[in-house]
């Protein structure tokens, strides 16, 4: 196998199909709207929006619409903390009680900033009254937060186990305010957002920009055919945990600066390594379900190690992934509470990797063969949709409605202008089969016969079946 010598150029060339695949997935999964950005080598290669911003009005979603990106906030907060640590203004091992005097005498006071950032403090997730997640109550301010957690905010011993905690990040936000002498949102704006030129990102809901937000939507449950539109809400003291809003473009720009090595506009690489070092292996019933650093999830797609964070807001599900060493960044924002942000982000990473690295060795085409673009297209049959796509200058066949685009993907060898052969590899796929092409008078491929079954160039199933 060989890997592209210029990943950014290869990903740039694949961007058109990445968008096509995204549009297909959004339509197939009936997601109201999806906003996406892909960067490589610091360059924005794809910025797209599909679907609607509000299912009630039908307003189209744009790349400028603002999303509540929820727990992405934790990465912003961790970055701001590490800036203060680098400046010698606070330490990761400071007990939180040194910065939040109201905690004096409580076991909470001994939890360190590091433990809170890594969800190892044993602090409750949201407290006993968290109907703000149903948008039925206001998020707490500082006084109500402390009143809630002081009596029974500790549910595990420190460093006993991973315990995801929004309360913990709210307390870190109070520490940032104590150290800087400024409101959290103002400090993050000046220390993190302004240096990057981010004007469509903020730490908490801004009612003055209400018309710029994409609406949230309920899930499709119990056979429902329509979604209810959800509103917006400020997050008060919870802003450091879940209050941020942004766009896919600006989230990817932040991830480039905060997570990719070699970009030291916000924090140096040694601070990034502290953030991205494995702090917790998260288990449930004896099975590993995740890994966490300080303010970032650690994950893999294929062989690519990634860092980033997801966000779950009432009606909006989001995810940003970054490869710290290779410089690939993918951000996906969806405006439904069952939005498949993870599946879409993982699929985009997998497609980029398919473009960069062939899945099988394929002999070169005949010298007189047409260019790969002469074979590409979308074809429909009774068993679904089939794409002949160009990735990395090579032809592949894939099923674009599958969540994993690599499932059943086959590399194609050009035999002549009317035939492809799928590269031989083990499995249940069509490897080794001939794909016979039908062309019209202009040379456009109008149908493909795979395994003897015809798929026609049409989005209509009745037309594809000749009915």
Protein backbone atom coordinates (compact mmCIF):
# COMPACT_ATOMS: atom_id res chain seq x y z
CA UNK A 1 0.00 0.00 0.00
CA UNK A 2 1.12 3.56 -0.65
CA UNK A 3 -0.09 6.70 1.06
CA UNK A 4 -0.53 10.07 -0.63
CA UNK A 5 2.59 12.21 -0.48
CA UNK A 6 0.45 15.36 -0.22
CA UNK A 7 -2.52 14.64 2.11
CA UNK A 8 -3.91 18.15 1.84
CA UNK A 9 -3.99 18.13 -1.97
CA UNK A 10 -5.53 14.65 -2.01
CA UNK A 11 -8.19 15.64 0.54
CA UNK A 12 -8.90 18.83 -1.40
CA UNK A 13 -9.53 16.78 -4.53
CA UNK A 14 -11.85 14.44 -2.61
CA UNK A 15 -13.89 17.29 -1.06
CA UNK A 16 -16.57 17.19 -3.76
CA UNK A 17 -17.38 13.58 -3.05
CA UNK A 18 -17.22 14.16 0.72
CA UNK A 19 -20.04 16.66 0.28
CA UNK A 20 -22.02 14.29 -1.95
CA UNK A 21 -21.71 11.53 0.64
CA UNK A 22 -22.76 13.92 3.42
CA UNK A 23 -25.86 15.03 1.49
CA UNK A 24 -26.80 11.41 0.88
CA UNK A 25 -26.40 10.48 4.54
CA UNK A 26 -28.43 13.47 5.73
CA UNK A 27 -31.29 12.67 3.36
CA UNK A 28 -31.20 8.93 4.08
CA UNK A 29 -31.24 9.49 7.86
CA UNK A 30 -33.85 12.28 7.64
CA UNK A 31 -31.69 14.74 9.58
CA UNK A 32 -33.16 18.28 9.41
CA UNK A 33 -29.79 19.91 8.82
CA UNK A 34 -26.05 19.25 8.89
CA UNK A 35 -23.18 21.71 8.88
CA UNK A 36 -19.66 20.40 8.24
CA UNK A 37 -16.09 21.63 7.90
CA UNK A 38 -12.95 19.72 6.93
CA UNK A 39 -9.41 21.09 7.28
CA UNK A 40 -6.03 19.64 6.40
CA UNK A 41 -2.66 21.28 6.82
CA UNK A 42 -4.40 24.35 8.25
CA UNK A 43 -6.44 24.82 5.05
CA UNK A 44 -10.24 24.82 5.01
CA UNK A 45 -11.04 22.29 2.28
CA UNK A 46 -14.76 21.83 2.75
CA UNK A 47 -17.40 23.99 4.38
CA UNK A 48 -20.95 22.91 3.67
CA UNK A 49 -24.50 23.03 4.99
CA UNK A 50 -27.34 20.78 3.88
CA UNK A 51 -30.98 20.65 4.89
CA UNK A 52 -32.95 23.17 6.90
CA UNK A 53 -32.19 25.39 9.87
CA UNK A 54 -35.78 25.18 11.08
CA UNK A 55 -38.19 22.43 10.08
CA UNK A 56 -41.10 24.66 11.02
CA UNK A 57 -40.28 27.46 8.59
CA UNK A 58 -38.26 25.46 6.07
CA UNK A 59 -35.47 28.04 6.17
CA UNK A 60 -32.39 26.51 4.52
CA UNK A 61 -29.36 25.87 6.72
CA UNK A 62 -26.24 27.85 5.83
CA UNK A 63 -22.62 27.66 6.93
CA UNK A 64 -23.23 30.86 8.93
CA UNK A 65 -25.92 29.48 11.23
CA UNK A 66 -24.93 29.19 14.89
CA UNK A 67 -25.21 25.91 16.80
CA UNK A 68 -25.20 25.17 20.51
CA UNK A 69 -22.09 23.00 20.65
CA UNK A 70 -22.57 22.01 24.30
CA UNK A 71 -19.68 19.93 25.66
CA UNK A 72 -17.29 21.27 23.05
CA UNK A 73 -17.20 23.99 25.71
CA UNK A 74 -14.98 21.75 27.83
CA UNK A 75 -12.16 21.94 25.27
CA UNK A 76 -12.40 25.73 25.22
CA UNK A 77 -12.31 25.78 29.03
CA UNK A 78 -9.36 23.40 29.25
CA UNK A 79 -7.47 25.53 26.71
CA UNK A 80 -8.12 28.70 28.73
CA UNK A 81 -6.92 26.94 31.90
CA UNK A 82 -3.72 25.73 30.26
CA UNK A 83 -3.05 29.27 29.05
CA UNK A 84 -3.25 30.43 32.66
CA UNK A 85 -1.04 27.54 33.77
CA UNK A 86 1.54 28.46 31.13
CA UNK A 87 1.43 32.06 32.40
CA UNK A 88 2.04 30.89 35.98
CA UNK A 89 -1.31 32.23 37.19
CA UNK A 90 -2.71 28.90 38.36
CA UNK A 91 -1.64 25.25 38.60
CA UNK A 92 -3.39 22.12 37.43
CA UNK A 93 -2.90 20.70 40.91
CA UNK A 94 -4.45 23.66 42.70
CA UNK A 95 -7.32 22.50 44.95
CA UNK A 96 -10.48 24.10 43.61
CA UNK A 97 -11.17 25.45 47.10
CA UNK A 98 -8.24 27.85 46.79
CA UNK A 99 -10.12 29.64 44.00
CA UNK A 100 -13.72 29.14 45.13
CA UNK A 101 -13.84 30.10 48.84
CA UNK A 102 -17.48 29.04 49.26
CA UNK A 103 -16.27 25.42 49.05
CA UNK A 104 -14.29 25.70 52.31
CA UNK A 105 -15.05 22.79 54.62
CA UNK A 106 -16.58 20.69 51.85
CA UNK A 107 -14.87 17.59 50.44
CA UNK A 108 -15.29 19.32 47.08
CA UNK A 109 -12.65 21.85 48.09
CA UNK A 110 -9.84 19.28 47.85
CA UNK A 111 -10.54 18.28 44.24
CA UNK A 112 -7.85 19.68 41.96
CA UNK A 113 -8.30 21.58 38.74
CA UNK A 114 -6.65 18.64 36.94
CA UNK A 115 -9.12 16.16 38.46
CA UNK A 116 -12.07 18.35 37.50
CA UNK A 117 -10.84 18.73 33.90
CA UNK A 118 -10.29 14.99 33.65
CA UNK A 119 -13.59 14.00 35.32
CA UNK A 120 -11.72 12.27 38.14
CA UNK A 121 -12.98 14.47 41.00
CA UNK A 122 -15.98 12.31 41.92
CA UNK A 123 -18.30 15.32 41.59
CA UNK A 124 -21.93 14.80 40.59
CA UNK A 125 -22.74 15.16 36.92
CA UNK A 126 -25.52 17.78 37.12
CA UNK A 127 -26.96 17.67 40.62
CA UNK A 128 -30.39 16.57 41.79
CA UNK A 129 -32.36 19.22 39.90
CA UNK A 130 -31.31 19.17 36.26
CA UNK A 131 -34.53 19.75 34.34
CA UNK A 132 -32.71 22.55 32.55
CA UNK A 133 -31.66 19.76 30.19
CA UNK A 134 -35.36 19.44 29.31
CA UNK A 135 -35.49 23.23 28.81
CA UNK A 136 -38.04 23.21 31.67
CA UNK A 137 -35.94 25.26 34.11
CA UNK A 138 -33.18 27.85 33.99
CA UNK A 139 -29.57 26.74 34.22
CA UNK A 140 -28.15 27.70 37.64
CA UNK A 141 -26.18 30.82 38.39
CA UNK A 142 -23.17 30.75 40.73
CA UNK A 143 -25.21 30.92 43.95
CA UNK A 144 -27.65 28.17 42.95
CA UNK A 145 -24.83 25.98 41.63
CA UNK A 146 -23.03 26.12 44.97
CA UNK A 147 -26.24 25.67 46.97
CA UNK A 148 -26.94 22.56 44.92
CA UNK A 149 -23.55 20.87 45.15
CA UNK A 150 -22.32 21.76 48.63
CA UNK A 151 -24.66 19.38 50.51
CA UNK A 152 -24.25 16.26 48.35
CA UNK A 153 -22.10 17.08 45.34
CA UNK A 154 -19.57 14.28 45.91
CA UNK A 155 -20.69 10.89 44.61
CA UNK A 156 -17.29 9.08 44.38
CA UNK A 157 -13.87 9.41 45.94
CA UNK A 158 -11.29 11.45 44.08
CA UNK A 159 -9.55 9.40 41.38
CA UNK A 160 -11.71 6.42 42.26
CA UNK A 161 -13.24 6.27 38.79
CA UNK A 162 -14.11 8.39 35.78
CA UNK A 163 -17.27 10.36 36.54
CA UNK A 164 -18.35 12.76 33.81
CA UNK A 165 -19.31 16.04 35.45
CA UNK A 166 -20.73 19.27 34.08
CA UNK A 167 -20.68 20.60 37.64
CA UNK A 168 -16.93 20.04 37.72
CA UNK A 169 -16.40 22.27 34.69
CA UNK A 170 -18.74 24.89 36.12
CA UNK A 171 -16.47 25.00 39.19
CA UNK A 172 -13.40 25.34 36.98
CA UNK A 173 -15.12 28.28 35.31
CA UNK A 174 -15.48 29.94 38.71
CA UNK A 175 -11.75 29.37 39.27
CA UNK A 176 -10.94 31.07 35.95
CA UNK A 177 -13.03 34.05 37.04
CA UNK A 178 -11.22 34.19 40.38
CA UNK A 179 -7.78 34.10 38.76
CA UNK A 180 -8.53 36.62 36.03
CA UNK A 181 -10.90 38.88 37.93
CA UNK A 182 -13.24 38.87 34.91
CA UNK A 183 -16.42 37.08 33.84
CA UNK A 184 -15.60 33.74 32.24
CA UNK A 185 -17.14 34.65 28.87
CA UNK A 186 -15.15 37.88 28.63
CA UNK A 187 -11.87 36.20 29.49
CA UNK A 188 -12.35 33.38 26.97
CA UNK A 189 -13.37 35.88 24.29
CA UNK A 190 -10.15 37.87 24.70
CA UNK A 191 -7.77 34.96 25.41
CA UNK A 192 -9.07 32.29 23.00
CA UNK A 193 -11.55 33.62 20.44
CA UNK A 194 -10.18 37.03 19.46
CA UNK A 195 -6.60 35.77 18.75
CA UNK A 196 -8.11 33.39 16.18
CA UNK A 197 -10.48 35.96 14.67
CA UNK A 198 -13.54 33.93 15.67
CA UNK A 199 -16.60 36.17 15.49
CA UNK A 200 -19.29 33.47 15.30
CA UNK A 201 -18.34 31.73 18.55
CA UNK A 202 -19.21 32.63 22.13
CA UNK A 203 -19.34 31.19 25.63
CA UNK A 204 -23.08 31.44 26.26
CA UNK A 205 -26.33 32.00 24.39
CA UNK A 206 -26.58 35.51 22.96
CA UNK A 207 -30.23 36.61 22.61
CA UNK A 208 -29.12 39.54 20.43
CA UNK A 209 -28.18 37.00 17.75
CA UNK A 210 -31.36 34.93 18.06
CA UNK A 211 -32.05 35.08 14.31
CA UNK A 212 -28.66 33.52 13.54
CA UNK A 213 -29.16 30.26 15.45
CA UNK A 214 -30.19 27.01 13.85
CA UNK A 215 -33.23 25.61 15.64
CA UNK A 216 -32.98 22.41 17.63
CA UNK A 217 -35.38 19.57 16.87
CA UNK A 218 -36.77 16.59 18.75
CA UNK A 219 -36.07 13.03 17.68
CA UNK A 220 -38.34 10.96 15.46
CA UNK A 221 -39.86 8.66 18.06
CA UNK A 222 -42.57 6.00 18.07
CA UNK A 223 -43.31 6.23 14.38
CA UNK A 224 -43.47 10.03 14.28
CA UNK A 225 -43.06 11.62 10.86
CA UNK A 226 -42.34 15.17 12.01
CA UNK A 227 -40.06 16.81 14.55
CA UNK A 228 -40.92 19.51 17.08
CA UNK A 229 -38.82 22.67 17.01
CA UNK A 230 -36.96 23.49 20.24
CA UNK A 231 -35.84 26.83 21.60
CA UNK A 232 -32.65 28.23 23.08
CA UNK A 233 -31.48 29.01 26.59
CA UNK A 234 -28.56 30.66 28.42
CA UNK A 235 -26.46 28.32 30.57
CA UNK A 236 -25.35 30.63 33.39
CA UNK A 237 -22.66 29.05 35.57
CA UNK A 238 -22.69 25.98 33.31
CA UNK A 239 -21.25 27.91 30.36
CA UNK A 240 -17.72 26.44 30.84
CA UNK A 241 -19.25 22.96 30.57
CA UNK A 242 -21.93 23.36 27.91
CA UNK A 243 -22.68 26.96 26.96
CA UNK A 244 -20.63 27.58 23.82
CA UNK A 245 -22.09 28.24 20.40
CA UNK A 246 -20.25 28.25 17.09
CA UNK A 247 -20.22 27.10 13.46
CA UNK A 248 -18.46 24.10 11.94
CA UNK A 249 -15.97 26.44 10.24
CA UNK A 250 -15.04 28.20 13.46
CA UNK A 251 -14.99 25.03 15.56
CA UNK A 252 -12.57 23.49 13.08
CA UNK A 253 -10.44 26.65 13.21
CA UNK A 254 -10.37 26.45 17.01
CA UNK A 255 -9.48 22.75 16.90
CA UNK A 256 -6.65 23.49 14.47
CA UNK A 257 -5.15 26.00 16.92
CA UNK A 258 -5.92 24.21 20.20
CA UNK A 259 -5.31 20.57 19.26
CA UNK A 260 -3.01 20.26 16.22
CA UNK A 261 0.69 20.19 17.02
CA UNK A 262 2.86 22.87 15.47
CA UNK A 263 0.23 25.59 15.82
CA UNK A 264 1.11 27.51 18.98
CA UNK A 265 -1.19 30.51 18.68
CA UNK A 266 -3.09 29.50 21.83
CA UNK A 267 -0.95 27.04 23.77
CA UNK A 268 2.41 25.37 23.07
CA UNK A 269 2.74 21.78 22.02
CA UNK A 270 3.88 20.63 25.46
CA UNK A 271 0.62 21.95 26.93
CA UNK A 272 -1.31 20.17 24.17
CA UNK A 273 0.42 16.94 25.10
CA UNK A 274 -0.78 17.42 28.69
CA UNK A 275 -4.35 17.85 27.42
CA UNK A 276 -4.15 14.89 25.06
CA UNK A 277 -2.36 12.45 27.35
CA UNK A 278 -4.53 9.50 28.40
CA UNK A 279 -6.01 10.46 31.76
CA UNK A 280 -8.89 7.98 32.00
CA UNK A 281 -9.93 4.73 30.39
CA UNK A 282 -13.71 4.84 30.67
CA UNK A 283 -15.42 1.50 31.33
CA UNK A 284 -18.98 0.29 31.75
CA UNK A 285 -19.70 -3.18 33.09
CA UNK A 286 -16.11 -4.21 32.49
CA UNK A 287 -15.98 -3.02 28.89
CA UNK A 288 -14.01 -0.04 27.63
CA UNK A 289 -16.35 2.59 26.20
CA UNK A 290 -14.04 5.57 25.80
CA UNK A 291 -10.85 7.40 26.71
CA UNK A 292 -10.42 10.91 28.03
CA UNK A 293 -7.64 13.43 28.53
CA UNK A 294 -8.12 16.94 29.96
CA UNK A 295 -11.05 18.49 28.14
CA UNK A 296 -10.79 16.10 25.17
CA UNK A 297 -12.00 12.66 24.15
CA UNK A 298 -9.38 10.29 22.72
CA UNK A 299 -10.61 8.01 19.94
CA UNK A 300 -9.59 6.15 16.80
CA UNK A 301 -11.08 5.83 13.34
CA UNK A 302 -9.36 3.03 11.49
CA UNK A 303 -5.69 3.47 12.35
CA UNK A 304 -5.94 7.22 12.91
CA UNK A 305 -5.65 8.45 16.52
CA UNK A 306 -7.90 11.45 17.12
CA UNK A 307 -8.72 13.95 19.84
CA UNK A 308 -11.73 16.23 20.14
CA UNK A 309 -15.10 16.48 21.79
CA UNK A 310 -18.77 15.90 21.16
CA UNK A 311 -21.69 18.03 22.25
CA UNK A 312 -25.22 17.12 23.21
CA UNK A 313 -27.66 20.02 23.51
CA UNK A 314 -31.47 19.68 23.54
CA UNK A 315 -32.05 19.34 19.81
CA UNK A 316 -28.46 19.58 18.57
CA UNK A 317 -25.73 16.89 18.47
CA UNK A 318 -22.20 17.82 17.39
CA UNK A 319 -18.68 16.41 17.14
CA UNK A 320 -15.23 17.72 16.23
CA UNK A 321 -12.25 15.42 15.63
CA UNK A 322 -8.62 16.36 15.08
CA UNK A 323 -5.52 14.36 14.22
CA UNK A 324 -2.90 16.23 16.27
CA UNK A 325 0.06 15.06 14.21
CA UNK A 326 -1.33 14.83 10.65
CA UNK A 327 -3.41 18.00 10.93
CA UNK A 328 -6.77 16.63 9.70
CA UNK A 329 -9.78 18.30 11.40
CA UNK A 330 -13.44 17.33 10.86
CA UNK A 331 -16.36 19.12 12.51
CA UNK A 332 -19.99 18.00 12.10
CA UNK A 333 -22.98 19.83 13.59
CA UNK A 334 -26.52 18.43 13.42
CA UNK A 335 -29.74 20.10 14.56
CA UNK A 336 -31.66 17.11 15.91
CA UNK A 337 -31.44 15.40 19.26
CA UNK A 338 -30.87 12.10 17.43
CA UNK A 339 -28.48 13.71 14.94
CA UNK A 340 -25.78 11.23 13.77
CA UNK A 341 -22.83 13.59 14.27
CA UNK A 342 -20.49 10.77 15.30
CA UNK A 343 -21.37 8.52 12.38
CA UNK A 344 -21.02 11.38 9.89
CA UNK A 345 -17.70 12.60 11.32
CA UNK A 346 -16.27 9.07 11.44
CA UNK A 347 -17.48 8.46 7.89
CA UNK A 348 -15.80 11.60 6.59
CA UNK A 349 -12.52 10.62 8.26
CA UNK A 350 -12.80 7.14 6.75
CA UNK A 351 -13.39 8.58 3.27
CA UNK A 352 -10.38 10.87 3.62
CA UNK A 353 -8.26 7.88 4.61
CA UNK A 354 -9.63 5.87 1.68
CA UNK A 355 -8.51 8.69 -0.62
CA UNK A 356 -5.07 8.81 1.00
CA UNK A 357 -4.35 5.08 1.15
CA UNK A 358 -5.55 2.44 -1.36
CA UNK A 359 -7.37 -0.51 0.21
CA UNK A 360 -6.00 -2.92 -2.40
CA UNK A 361 -3.35 -2.95 -5.11
CA UNK A 362 -4.82 -2.20 -8.54
CA UNK A 363 -2.97 -2.49 -11.85
CA UNK A 364 -2.65 0.76 -13.81
CA UNK A 365 -5.29 1.45 -16.48
CA UNK A 366 -4.58 0.93 -20.19
CA UNK A 367 -2.69 3.79 -21.80
CA UNK A 368 -5.72 4.79 -23.87
CA UNK A 369 -8.24 4.60 -21.00
CA UNK A 370 -10.45 7.62 -20.26
CA UNK A 371 -9.76 9.62 -17.07
CA UNK A 372 -11.36 8.32 -13.84
CA UNK A 373 -14.04 11.03 -13.99
CA UNK A 374 -15.44 9.38 -17.13
CA UNK A 375 -16.59 6.42 -15.02
CA UNK A 376 -18.06 8.17 -11.97
CA UNK A 377 -21.71 8.52 -11.07
CA UNK A 378 -24.57 7.35 -8.88
CA UNK A 379 -26.60 4.34 -9.88
CA UNK A 380 -29.77 2.89 -8.36
CA UNK A 381 -31.26 -0.60 -8.23
CA UNK A 382 -33.65 -2.63 -6.09
CA UNK A 383 -30.85 -3.42 -3.60
CA UNK A 384 -29.92 0.22 -3.09
CA UNK A 385 -27.67 2.98 -4.31
CA UNK A 386 -24.20 2.41 -5.74
CA UNK A 387 -21.59 5.13 -6.26
CA UNK A 388 -18.63 4.93 -8.59
CA UNK A 389 -16.44 7.63 -7.05
CA UNK A 390 -12.98 9.03 -7.60
CA UNK A 391 -10.89 9.17 -4.41
CA UNK A 392 -7.18 9.85 -4.46
CA UNK A 393 -7.18 9.68 -8.26
CA UNK A 394 -8.53 6.10 -8.09
CA UNK A 395 -11.96 4.62 -8.73
CA UNK A 396 -13.88 2.95 -5.91
CA UNK A 397 -17.34 1.45 -5.65
CA UNK A 398 -19.28 2.04 -2.45
CA UNK A 399 -22.78 2.14 -0.98
CA UNK A 400 -23.31 5.76 0.14
CA UNK A 401 -26.28 5.05 2.41
CA UNK A 402 -24.26 2.81 4.74
CA UNK A 403 -23.07 4.43 7.97
CA UNK A 404 -19.55 3.08 7.38
CA UNK A 405 -18.51 4.06 3.85
CA UNK A 406 -15.69 1.50 3.93
CA UNK A 407 -18.10 -1.40 4.44
CA UNK A 408 -18.07 -3.20 1.13
CA UNK A 409 -15.95 -0.52 -0.59
CA UNK A 410 -14.03 -2.00 -3.52
CA UNK A 411 -11.10 -0.56 -5.46
CA UNK A 412 -11.73 -0.70 -9.22
CA UNK A 413 -9.30 -1.47 -12.03
CA UNK A 414 -10.05 0.10 -15.43
CA UNK A 415 -10.05 -2.68 -18.02
CA UNK A 416 -11.30 -0.56 -20.91
CA UNK A 417 -13.81 2.24 -21.39
CA UNK A 418 -16.70 -0.17 -20.83
CA UNK A 419 -15.47 -2.45 -18.09
CA UNK A 420 -14.05 -2.24 -14.58
CA UNK A 421 -12.69 -5.08 -12.47
CA UNK A 422 -12.97 -4.96 -8.68
CA UNK A 423 -9.73 -5.64 -6.86
CA UNK A 424 -9.49 -9.10 -5.34
CA UNK A 425 -9.69 -9.22 -1.54
CA UNK A 426 -11.27 -11.62 0.95
CA UNK A 427 -14.81 -11.22 2.23
CA UNK A 428 -18.41 -11.32 1.09
CA UNK A 429 -18.12 -8.36 -1.31
CA UNK A 430 -17.95 -8.24 -5.08
CA UNK A 431 -14.15 -8.33 -5.28
CA UNK A 432 -12.91 -9.94 -8.49
CA UNK A 433 -16.17 -9.28 -10.33
CA UNK A 434 -16.37 -7.41 -13.61
CA UNK A 435 -18.44 -4.22 -13.65
CA UNK A 436 -19.88 -3.67 -17.12
CA UNK A 437 -20.81 -0.13 -18.11
CA UNK A 438 -23.48 1.11 -20.48
CA UNK A 439 -22.88 4.48 -22.12
CA UNK A 440 -25.10 6.78 -24.17
CA UNK A 441 -24.14 8.55 -27.38
CA UNK A 442 -22.25 11.26 -25.51
CA UNK A 443 -20.15 8.71 -23.65
CA UNK A 444 -21.88 9.22 -20.30
CA UNK A 445 -22.24 6.06 -18.22
CA UNK A 446 -25.98 5.42 -17.92
CA UNK A 447 -25.92 2.08 -16.10
CA UNK A 448 -23.57 -0.38 -14.45
CA UNK A 449 -24.01 -4.14 -14.20
CA UNK A 450 -22.47 -5.50 -11.02
CA UNK A 451 -22.75 -9.25 -10.48
CA UNK A 452 -25.13 -9.30 -13.43
CA UNK A 453 -27.53 -6.86 -11.71
CA UNK A 454 -28.24 -3.53 -13.41
CA UNK A 455 -28.02 -0.23 -11.54
CA UNK A 456 -29.24 2.76 -13.55
CA UNK A 457 -28.21 6.40 -13.33
CA UNK A 458 -31.36 7.75 -11.67
CA UNK A 459 -32.39 8.72 -8.16
CA UNK A 460 -35.85 7.23 -8.69
CA UNK A 461 -36.25 3.58 -7.76
CA UNK A 462 -39.25 3.04 -10.08
CA UNK A 463 -37.24 4.50 -12.96
CA UNK A 464 -34.25 2.36 -12.02
CA UNK A 465 -36.46 -0.73 -12.17
CA UNK A 466 -38.07 0.37 -15.44
CA UNK A 467 -41.51 0.82 -13.85
